């Protein structure tokens, strides 16, 4: 892919700002010192990188991941991962070529989900952990999916940890009850009924508006009787 998605005036502006800064430092060197020159070089370099490379590169990444998303929407997870080997790239290609972009980051989550559906939990965990986001919905959801991967891999305690962390990070009626319920059921499998009851009761008391709150009433009743 070509990186020359630029216009001469943008590059000239960056160079002009740098030249002015260098000239100013040269004329006032005793007052300013070398630090300002370094800052000016970094700023000019950043401007050039952002305008001459990053923005066009981001757009190319967005276009590439769109094609992979089409396969993903059709549950063609292997094709979504690897592309068709011709004109359509897969999520792994996007990760490799556009790792520094938002598309590359998003492709990590998609790749993790694909591997999860393909039963390759180790690879799923690897990619899901590389996804970075501050979004209050996406980040906890991916965190919780890592918990599902650990559960499927037989690492129940590790899975519970991710379920509880996901519920805490989300702290909303949509995501938190789902993962607290998963945690509660996992605790039951381990025979830790007190912790299971606590998870279910948290749903009922804190996220009572969620449909899951009604679902766990049965669990609470059964565990309360056993206790």
C-alpha atoms as a PDB file:
ATOM      1  CA  UNK A   1       0.000   0.000   0.000  1.00  0.00           C
ATOM      2  CA  UNK A   2       1.303   3.397  -0.888  1.00  0.00           C
ATOM      3  CA  UNK A   3       1.850   5.890   1.937  1.00  0.00           C
ATOM      4  CA  UNK A   4       1.841   8.928  -0.362  1.00  0.00           C
ATOM      5  CA  UNK A   5      -1.727  10.026   0.368  1.00  0.00           C
ATOM      6  CA  UNK A   6      -0.554  13.631   0.878  1.00  0.00           C
ATOM      7  CA  UNK A   7      -0.716  17.133  -0.460  1.00  0.00           C
ATOM      8  CA  UNK A   8       2.416  19.264  -0.899  1.00  0.00           C
ATOM      9  CA  UNK A   9       1.037  22.188   1.079  1.00  0.00           C
ATOM     10  CA  UNK A  10       0.681  20.085   4.265  1.00  0.00           C
ATOM     11  CA  UNK A  11       4.294  18.988   4.074  1.00  0.00           C
ATOM     12  CA  UNK A  12       5.408  22.517   3.287  1.00  0.00           C
ATOM     13  CA  UNK A  13       3.533  23.832   6.329  1.00  0.00           C
ATOM     14  CA  UNK A  14       5.268  21.359   8.612  1.00  0.00           C
ATOM     15  CA  UNK A  15       8.663  22.178   7.148  1.00  0.00           C
ATOM     16  CA  UNK A  16       7.973  25.909   7.359  1.00  0.00           C
ATOM     17  CA  UNK A  17       7.077  25.674  11.057  1.00  0.00           C
ATOM     18  CA  UNK A  18      10.210  23.662  11.753  1.00  0.00           C
ATOM     19  CA  UNK A  19      12.428  26.082   9.837  1.00  0.00           C
ATOM     20  CA  UNK A  20      10.993  29.047  11.727  1.00  0.00           C
ATOM     21  CA  UNK A  21      11.608  27.260  15.020  1.00  0.00           C
ATOM     22  CA  UNK A  22      15.192  26.382  14.119  1.00  0.00           C
ATOM     23  CA  UNK A  23      15.883  29.966  13.037  1.00  0.00           C
ATOM     24  CA  UNK A  24      14.379  31.305  16.275  1.00  0.00           C
ATOM     25  CA  UNK A  25      16.465  28.965  18.377  1.00  0.00           C
ATOM     26  CA  UNK A  26      19.585  29.890  16.400  1.00  0.00           C
ATOM     27  CA  UNK A  27      19.015  33.615  17.030  1.00  0.00           C
ATOM     28  CA  UNK A  28      18.138  33.156  20.680  1.00  0.00           C
ATOM     29  CA  UNK A  29      20.203  30.122  21.564  1.00  0.00           C
ATOM     30  CA  UNK A  30      21.552  31.450  24.847  1.00  0.00           C
ATOM     31  CA  UNK A  31      18.063  32.164  26.146  1.00  0.00           C
ATOM     32  CA  UNK A  32      16.363  28.970  25.088  1.00  0.00           C
ATOM     33  CA  UNK A  33      18.792  26.069  24.867  1.00  0.00           C
ATOM     34  CA  UNK A  34      18.494  22.811  22.983  1.00  0.00           C
ATOM     35  CA  UNK A  35      15.305  21.501  24.657  1.00  0.00           C
ATOM     36  CA  UNK A  36      12.983  23.731  22.664  1.00  0.00           C
ATOM     37  CA  UNK A  37      14.631  22.662  19.438  1.00  0.00           C
ATOM     38  CA  UNK A  38      13.957  19.028  20.287  1.00  0.00           C
ATOM     39  CA  UNK A  39      10.316  19.836  21.057  1.00  0.00           C
ATOM     40  CA  UNK A  40       9.961  21.722  17.768  1.00  0.00           C
ATOM     41  CA  UNK A  41      11.420  18.807  15.849  1.00  0.00           C
ATOM     42  CA  UNK A  42       9.066  16.366  17.573  1.00  0.00           C
ATOM     43  CA  UNK A  43       6.016  18.563  16.959  1.00  0.00           C
ATOM     44  CA  UNK A  44       6.867  19.068  13.306  1.00  0.00           C
ATOM     45  CA  UNK A  45       7.523  15.361  12.926  1.00  0.00           C
ATOM     46  CA  UNK A  46       4.227  14.483  14.561  1.00  0.00           C
ATOM     47  CA  UNK A  47       2.310  16.871  12.321  1.00  0.00           C
ATOM     48  CA  UNK A  48       3.912  15.404   9.245  1.00  0.00           C
ATOM     49  CA  UNK A  49       3.269  11.823  10.415  1.00  0.00           C
ATOM     50  CA  UNK A  50      -0.341  12.522  11.311  1.00  0.00           C
ATOM     51  CA  UNK A  51      -1.239  14.330   8.114  1.00  0.00           C
ATOM     52  CA  UNK A  52       0.956  12.505   5.639  1.00  0.00           C
ATOM     53  CA  UNK A  53       0.661   8.960   6.938  1.00  0.00           C
ATOM     54  CA  UNK A  54      -1.581   8.177   9.915  1.00  0.00           C
ATOM     55  CA  UNK A  55      -4.889   9.592   8.646  1.00  0.00           C
ATOM     56  CA  UNK A  56      -4.621   7.936   5.199  1.00  0.00           C
ATOM     57  CA  UNK A  57      -3.383   4.727   6.851  1.00  0.00           C
ATOM     58  CA  UNK A  58      -6.373   4.761   9.195  1.00  0.00           C
ATOM     59  CA  UNK A  59      -8.773   5.080   6.263  1.00  0.00           C
ATOM     60  CA  UNK A  60      -7.107   2.176   4.484  1.00  0.00           C
ATOM     61  CA  UNK A  61      -7.434   0.077   7.638  1.00  0.00           C
ATOM     62  CA  UNK A  62     -11.128   0.933   7.911  1.00  0.00           C
ATOM     63  CA  UNK A  63     -11.677  -0.205   4.329  1.00  0.00           C
ATOM     64  CA  UNK A  64      -9.798  -3.459   4.913  1.00  0.00           C
ATOM     65  CA  UNK A  65     -11.636  -4.411   8.086  1.00  0.00           C
ATOM     66  CA  UNK A  66     -15.010  -3.686   6.485  1.00  0.00           C
ATOM     67  CA  UNK A  67     -14.497  -6.579   4.094  1.00  0.00           C
ATOM     68  CA  UNK A  68     -13.592  -8.961   6.922  1.00  0.00           C
ATOM     69  CA  UNK A  69     -16.671  -7.840   8.863  1.00  0.00           C
ATOM     70  CA  UNK A  70     -18.863  -9.033   6.008  1.00  0.00           C
ATOM     71  CA  UNK A  71     -17.622 -12.590   6.457  1.00  0.00           C
ATOM     72  CA  UNK A  72     -17.941 -12.237  10.230  1.00  0.00           C
ATOM     73  CA  UNK A  73     -21.606 -11.208   9.887  1.00  0.00           C
ATOM     74  CA  UNK A  74     -22.225 -14.420   7.931  1.00  0.00           C
ATOM     75  CA  UNK A  75     -20.574 -16.528  10.681  1.00  0.00           C
ATOM     76  CA  UNK A  76     -17.787 -17.433   8.265  1.00  0.00           C
ATOM     77  CA  UNK A  77     -15.200 -17.134  10.997  1.00  0.00           C
ATOM     78  CA  UNK A  78     -12.303 -18.810   9.195  1.00  0.00           C
ATOM     79  CA  UNK A  79     -12.753 -16.563   6.149  1.00  0.00           C
ATOM     80  CA  UNK A  80     -13.160 -13.542   8.409  1.00  0.00           C
ATOM     81  CA  UNK A  81      -9.821 -14.371  10.007  1.00  0.00           C
ATOM     82  CA  UNK A  82      -7.823 -15.139   6.893  1.00  0.00           C
ATOM     83  CA  UNK A  83      -9.678 -13.439   4.040  1.00  0.00           C
ATOM     84  CA  UNK A  84     -10.216 -15.126   0.693  1.00  0.00           C
ATOM     85  CA  UNK A  85      -6.580 -15.200  -0.323  1.00  0.00           C
ATOM     86  CA  UNK A  86      -7.223 -12.777  -3.145  1.00  0.00           C
ATOM     87  CA  UNK A  87      -8.858  -9.375  -2.991  1.00  0.00           C
ATOM     88  CA  UNK A  88     -10.350  -9.482   0.506  1.00  0.00           C
ATOM     89  CA  UNK A  89      -8.219  -9.293   3.645  1.00  0.00           C
ATOM     90  CA  UNK A  90      -9.051 -11.000   6.916  1.00  0.00           C
ATOM     91  CA  UNK A  91      -8.709  -9.710  10.459  1.00  0.00           C
ATOM     92  CA  UNK A  92      -5.238 -11.219  10.771  1.00  0.00           C
ATOM     93  CA  UNK A  93      -4.129  -9.226   7.716  1.00  0.00           C
ATOM     94  CA  UNK A  94      -5.587  -6.053   9.197  1.00  0.00           C
ATOM     95  CA  UNK A  95      -3.727  -6.675  12.468  1.00  0.00           C
ATOM     96  CA  UNK A  96      -0.478  -7.199  10.593  1.00  0.00           C
ATOM     97  CA  UNK A  97      -0.722  -4.231   8.224  1.00  0.00           C
ATOM     98  CA  UNK A  98      -2.633  -1.703  10.313  1.00  0.00           C
ATOM     99  CA  UNK A  99      -1.556  -2.512  13.869  1.00  0.00           C
ATOM    100  CA  UNK A 100      -1.145   1.168  14.787  1.00  0.00           C
ATOM    101  CA  UNK A 101      -4.671   2.128  13.747  1.00  0.00           C
ATOM    102  CA  UNK A 102      -8.094   1.871  15.367  1.00  0.00           C
ATOM    103  CA  UNK A 103      -8.979  -0.743  12.752  1.00  0.00           C
ATOM    104  CA  UNK A 104      -5.995  -2.841  13.792  1.00  0.00           C
ATOM    105  CA  UNK A 105      -7.054  -2.643  17.414  1.00  0.00           C
ATOM    106  CA  UNK A 106     -10.646  -3.583  16.598  1.00  0.00           C
ATOM    107  CA  UNK A 107      -9.414  -6.479  14.482  1.00  0.00           C
ATOM    108  CA  UNK A 108      -7.805  -7.941  17.628  1.00  0.00           C
ATOM    109  CA  UNK A 109     -11.249  -8.228  19.236  1.00  0.00           C
ATOM    110  CA  UNK A 110     -12.804  -9.663  16.079  1.00  0.00           C
ATOM    111  CA  UNK A 111      -9.987 -12.183  15.709  1.00  0.00           C
ATOM    112  CA  UNK A 112     -10.445 -13.257  19.319  1.00  0.00           C
ATOM    113  CA  UNK A 113     -14.164 -13.786  18.800  1.00  0.00           C
ATOM    114  CA  UNK A 114     -13.511 -15.789  15.627  1.00  0.00           C
ATOM    115  CA  UNK A 115     -11.009 -18.043  17.362  1.00  0.00           C
ATOM    116  CA  UNK A 116     -13.465 -18.511  20.236  1.00  0.00           C
ATOM    117  CA  UNK A 117     -16.146 -19.737  17.836  1.00  0.00           C
ATOM    118  CA  UNK A 118     -13.597 -21.997  16.153  1.00  0.00           C
ATOM    119  CA  UNK A 119     -12.770 -23.571  19.519  1.00  0.00           C
ATOM    120  CA  UNK A 120      -9.215 -22.246  19.658  1.00  0.00           C
ATOM    121  CA  UNK A 121      -9.394 -20.684  23.104  1.00  0.00           C
ATOM    122  CA  UNK A 122      -5.663 -20.039  23.524  1.00  0.00           C
ATOM    123  CA  UNK A 123      -5.521 -17.911  20.395  1.00  0.00           C
ATOM    124  CA  UNK A 124      -8.814 -16.266  21.311  1.00  0.00           C
ATOM    125  CA  UNK A 125      -7.434 -15.169  24.685  1.00  0.00           C
ATOM    126  CA  UNK A 126      -4.220 -13.934  23.065  1.00  0.00           C
ATOM    127  CA  UNK A 127      -6.041 -11.591  20.696  1.00  0.00           C
ATOM    128  CA  UNK A 128      -8.783 -10.500  23.081  1.00  0.00           C
ATOM    129  CA  UNK A 129      -6.186  -9.393  25.621  1.00  0.00           C
ATOM    130  CA  UNK A 130      -4.537  -7.201  22.988  1.00  0.00           C
ATOM    131  CA  UNK A 131      -7.733  -5.246  22.374  1.00  0.00           C
ATOM    132  CA  UNK A 132      -7.607  -1.869  24.110  1.00  0.00           C
ATOM    133  CA  UNK A 133     -10.653   0.297  24.705  1.00  0.00           C
ATOM    134  CA  UNK A 134     -12.093   2.676  27.267  1.00  0.00           C
ATOM    135  CA  UNK A 135     -15.622   2.186  25.958  1.00  0.00           C
ATOM    136  CA  UNK A 136     -17.945   1.312  28.850  1.00  0.00           C
ATOM    137  CA  UNK A 137     -19.667  -1.393  26.812  1.00  0.00           C
ATOM    138  CA  UNK A 138     -17.034  -2.858  24.485  1.00  0.00           C
ATOM    139  CA  UNK A 139     -14.207  -3.175  27.009  1.00  0.00           C
ATOM    140  CA  UNK A 140     -16.181  -5.118  29.671  1.00  0.00           C
ATOM    141  CA  UNK A 141     -17.838  -7.304  27.018  1.00  0.00           C
ATOM    142  CA  UNK A 142     -14.467  -8.379  25.620  1.00  0.00           C
ATOM    143  CA  UNK A 143     -13.134  -8.836  29.158  1.00  0.00           C
ATOM    144  CA  UNK A 144     -16.049 -11.117  29.931  1.00  0.00           C
ATOM    145  CA  UNK A 145     -15.506 -13.122  26.763  1.00  0.00           C
ATOM    146  CA  UNK A 146     -11.985 -13.857  27.977  1.00  0.00           C
ATOM    147  CA  UNK A 147     -13.706 -15.381  31.007  1.00  0.00           C
ATOM    148  CA  UNK A 148     -15.775 -17.610  28.707  1.00  0.00           C
ATOM    149  CA  UNK A 149     -12.573 -18.750  27.020  1.00  0.00           C
ATOM    150  CA  UNK A 150     -11.032 -19.737  30.348  1.00  0.00           C
ATOM    151  CA  UNK A 151     -14.194 -21.593  31.367  1.00  0.00           C
ATOM    152  CA  UNK A 152     -14.162 -23.542  28.097  1.00  0.00           C
ATOM    153  CA  UNK A 153     -10.482 -24.321  28.673  1.00  0.00           C
ATOM    154  CA  UNK A 154     -11.320 -25.800  32.076  1.00  0.00           C
ATOM    155  CA  UNK A 155      -9.767 -22.903  34.028  1.00  0.00           C
ATOM    156  CA  UNK A 156     -12.921 -22.078  35.963  1.00  0.00           C
ATOM    157  CA  UNK A 157     -11.397 -19.927  38.701  1.00  0.00           C
ATOM    158  CA  UNK A 158      -9.612 -17.753  36.151  1.00  0.00           C
ATOM    159  CA  UNK A 159     -12.835 -17.441  34.193  1.00  0.00           C
ATOM    160  CA  UNK A 160     -14.717 -16.292  37.296  1.00  0.00           C
ATOM    161  CA  UNK A 161     -12.128 -13.600  37.897  1.00  0.00           C
ATOM    162  CA  UNK A 162     -12.713 -12.172  34.444  1.00  0.00           C
ATOM    163  CA  UNK A 163     -16.499 -12.399  34.818  1.00  0.00           C
ATOM    164  CA  UNK A 164     -16.412 -10.431  38.072  1.00  0.00           C
ATOM    165  CA  UNK A 165     -13.973  -7.878  36.676  1.00  0.00           C
ATOM    166  CA  UNK A 166     -16.165  -7.412  33.597  1.00  0.00           C
ATOM    167  CA  UNK A 167     -19.251  -6.864  35.759  1.00  0.00           C
ATOM    168  CA  UNK A 168     -17.382  -4.327  37.882  1.00  0.00           C
ATOM    169  CA  UNK A 169     -15.951  -2.455  34.886  1.00  0.00           C
ATOM    170  CA  UNK A 170     -19.349  -2.217  33.188  1.00  0.00           C
ATOM    171  CA  UNK A 171     -21.475  -1.453  36.243  1.00  0.00           C
ATOM    172  CA  UNK A 172     -24.676  -1.252  34.210  1.00  0.00           C
ATOM    173  CA  UNK A 173     -27.950  -3.171  33.951  1.00  0.00           C
ATOM    174  CA  UNK A 174     -27.095  -4.687  30.570  1.00  0.00           C
ATOM    175  CA  UNK A 175     -23.656  -6.261  30.934  1.00  0.00           C
ATOM    176  CA  UNK A 176     -23.016  -6.600  34.667  1.00  0.00           C
ATOM    177  CA  UNK A 177     -25.902  -9.011  35.433  1.00  0.00           C
ATOM    178  CA  UNK A 178     -24.906 -11.294  32.554  1.00  0.00           C
ATOM    179  CA  UNK A 179     -21.385 -11.801  33.820  1.00  0.00           C
ATOM    180  CA  UNK A 180     -22.379 -11.956  37.473  1.00  0.00           C
ATOM    181  CA  UNK A 181     -24.775 -14.744  36.523  1.00  0.00           C
ATOM    182  CA  UNK A 182     -21.959 -16.541  34.707  1.00  0.00           C
ATOM    183  CA  UNK A 183     -19.776 -16.125  37.778  1.00  0.00           C
ATOM    184  CA  UNK A 184     -22.517 -17.480  40.030  1.00  0.00           C
ATOM    185  CA  UNK A 185     -23.066 -20.555  37.881  1.00  0.00           C
ATOM    186  CA  UNK A 186     -19.319 -21.167  37.747  1.00  0.00           C
ATOM    187  CA  UNK A 187     -19.107 -20.912  41.533  1.00  0.00           C
ATOM    188  CA  UNK A 188     -21.858 -23.517  41.759  1.00  0.00           C
ATOM    189  CA  UNK A 189     -19.858 -25.874  39.554  1.00  0.00           C
ATOM    190  CA  UNK A 190     -16.962 -25.492  41.983  1.00  0.00           C
ATOM    191  CA  UNK A 191     -19.277 -26.188  44.902  1.00  0.00           C
ATOM    192  CA  UNK A 192     -18.751 -22.696  46.323  1.00  0.00           C
ATOM    193  CA  UNK A 193     -22.427 -22.033  46.979  1.00  0.00           C
ATOM    194  CA  UNK A 194     -21.939 -19.066  49.322  1.00  0.00           C
ATOM    195  CA  UNK A 195     -20.068 -17.135  46.630  1.00  0.00           C
ATOM    196  CA  UNK A 196     -22.611 -18.197  44.031  1.00  0.00           C
ATOM    197  CA  UNK A 197     -25.446 -16.918  46.223  1.00  0.00           C
ATOM    198  CA  UNK A 198     -23.650 -13.612  46.726  1.00  0.00           C
ATOM    199  CA  UNK A 199     -23.278 -13.133  42.958  1.00  0.00           C
ATOM    200  CA  UNK A 200     -26.963 -13.869  42.340  1.00  0.00           C
ATOM    201  CA  UNK A 201     -28.089 -11.618  45.191  1.00  0.00           C
ATOM    202  CA  UNK A 202     -25.968  -8.763  43.831  1.00  0.00           C
ATOM    203  CA  UNK A 203     -27.879  -9.036  40.573  1.00  0.00           C
ATOM    204  CA  UNK A 204     -31.221  -9.046  42.381  1.00  0.00           C
ATOM    205  CA  UNK A 205     -30.369  -6.102  44.633  1.00  0.00           C
ATOM    206  CA  UNK A 206     -28.189  -3.878  42.460  1.00  0.00           C
ATOM    207  CA  UNK A 207     -29.392  -4.654  38.944  1.00  0.00           C
ATOM    208  CA  UNK A 208     -33.040  -5.404  39.684  1.00  0.00           C
ATOM    209  CA  UNK A 209     -34.182  -3.719  36.441  1.00  0.00           C
ATOM    210  CA  UNK A 210     -32.379  -6.340  34.379  1.00  0.00           C
ATOM    211  CA  UNK A 211     -34.257  -9.370  33.000  1.00  0.00           C
ATOM    212  CA  UNK A 212     -31.476 -11.494  34.507  1.00  0.00           C
ATOM    213  CA  UNK A 213     -32.672 -10.442  37.968  1.00  0.00           C
ATOM    214  CA  UNK A 214     -35.838 -12.470  37.413  1.00  0.00           C
ATOM    215  CA  UNK A 215     -33.895 -15.441  36.058  1.00  0.00           C
ATOM    216  CA  UNK A 216     -31.709 -15.758  39.160  1.00  0.00           C
ATOM    217  CA  UNK A 217     -34.625 -15.830  41.594  1.00  0.00           C
ATOM    218  CA  UNK A 218     -34.758 -19.603  41.160  1.00  0.00           C
ATOM    219  CA  UNK A 219     -31.021 -19.890  41.846  1.00  0.00           C
ATOM    220  CA  UNK A 220     -31.317 -17.747  44.954  1.00  0.00           C
ATOM    221  CA  UNK A 221     -34.208 -19.804  46.284  1.00  0.00           C
ATOM    222  CA  UNK A 222     -32.397 -23.123  45.721  1.00  0.00           C
ATOM    223  CA  UNK A 223     -29.170 -21.938  47.286  1.00  0.00           C
ATOM    224  CA  UNK A 224     -30.943 -20.340  50.231  1.00  0.00           C
ATOM    225  CA  UNK A 225     -32.665 -23.657  50.992  1.00  0.00           C
ATOM    226  CA  UNK A 226     -29.345 -25.523  50.820  1.00  0.00           C
ATOM    227  CA  UNK A 227     -27.719 -22.971  53.087  1.00  0.00           C
END
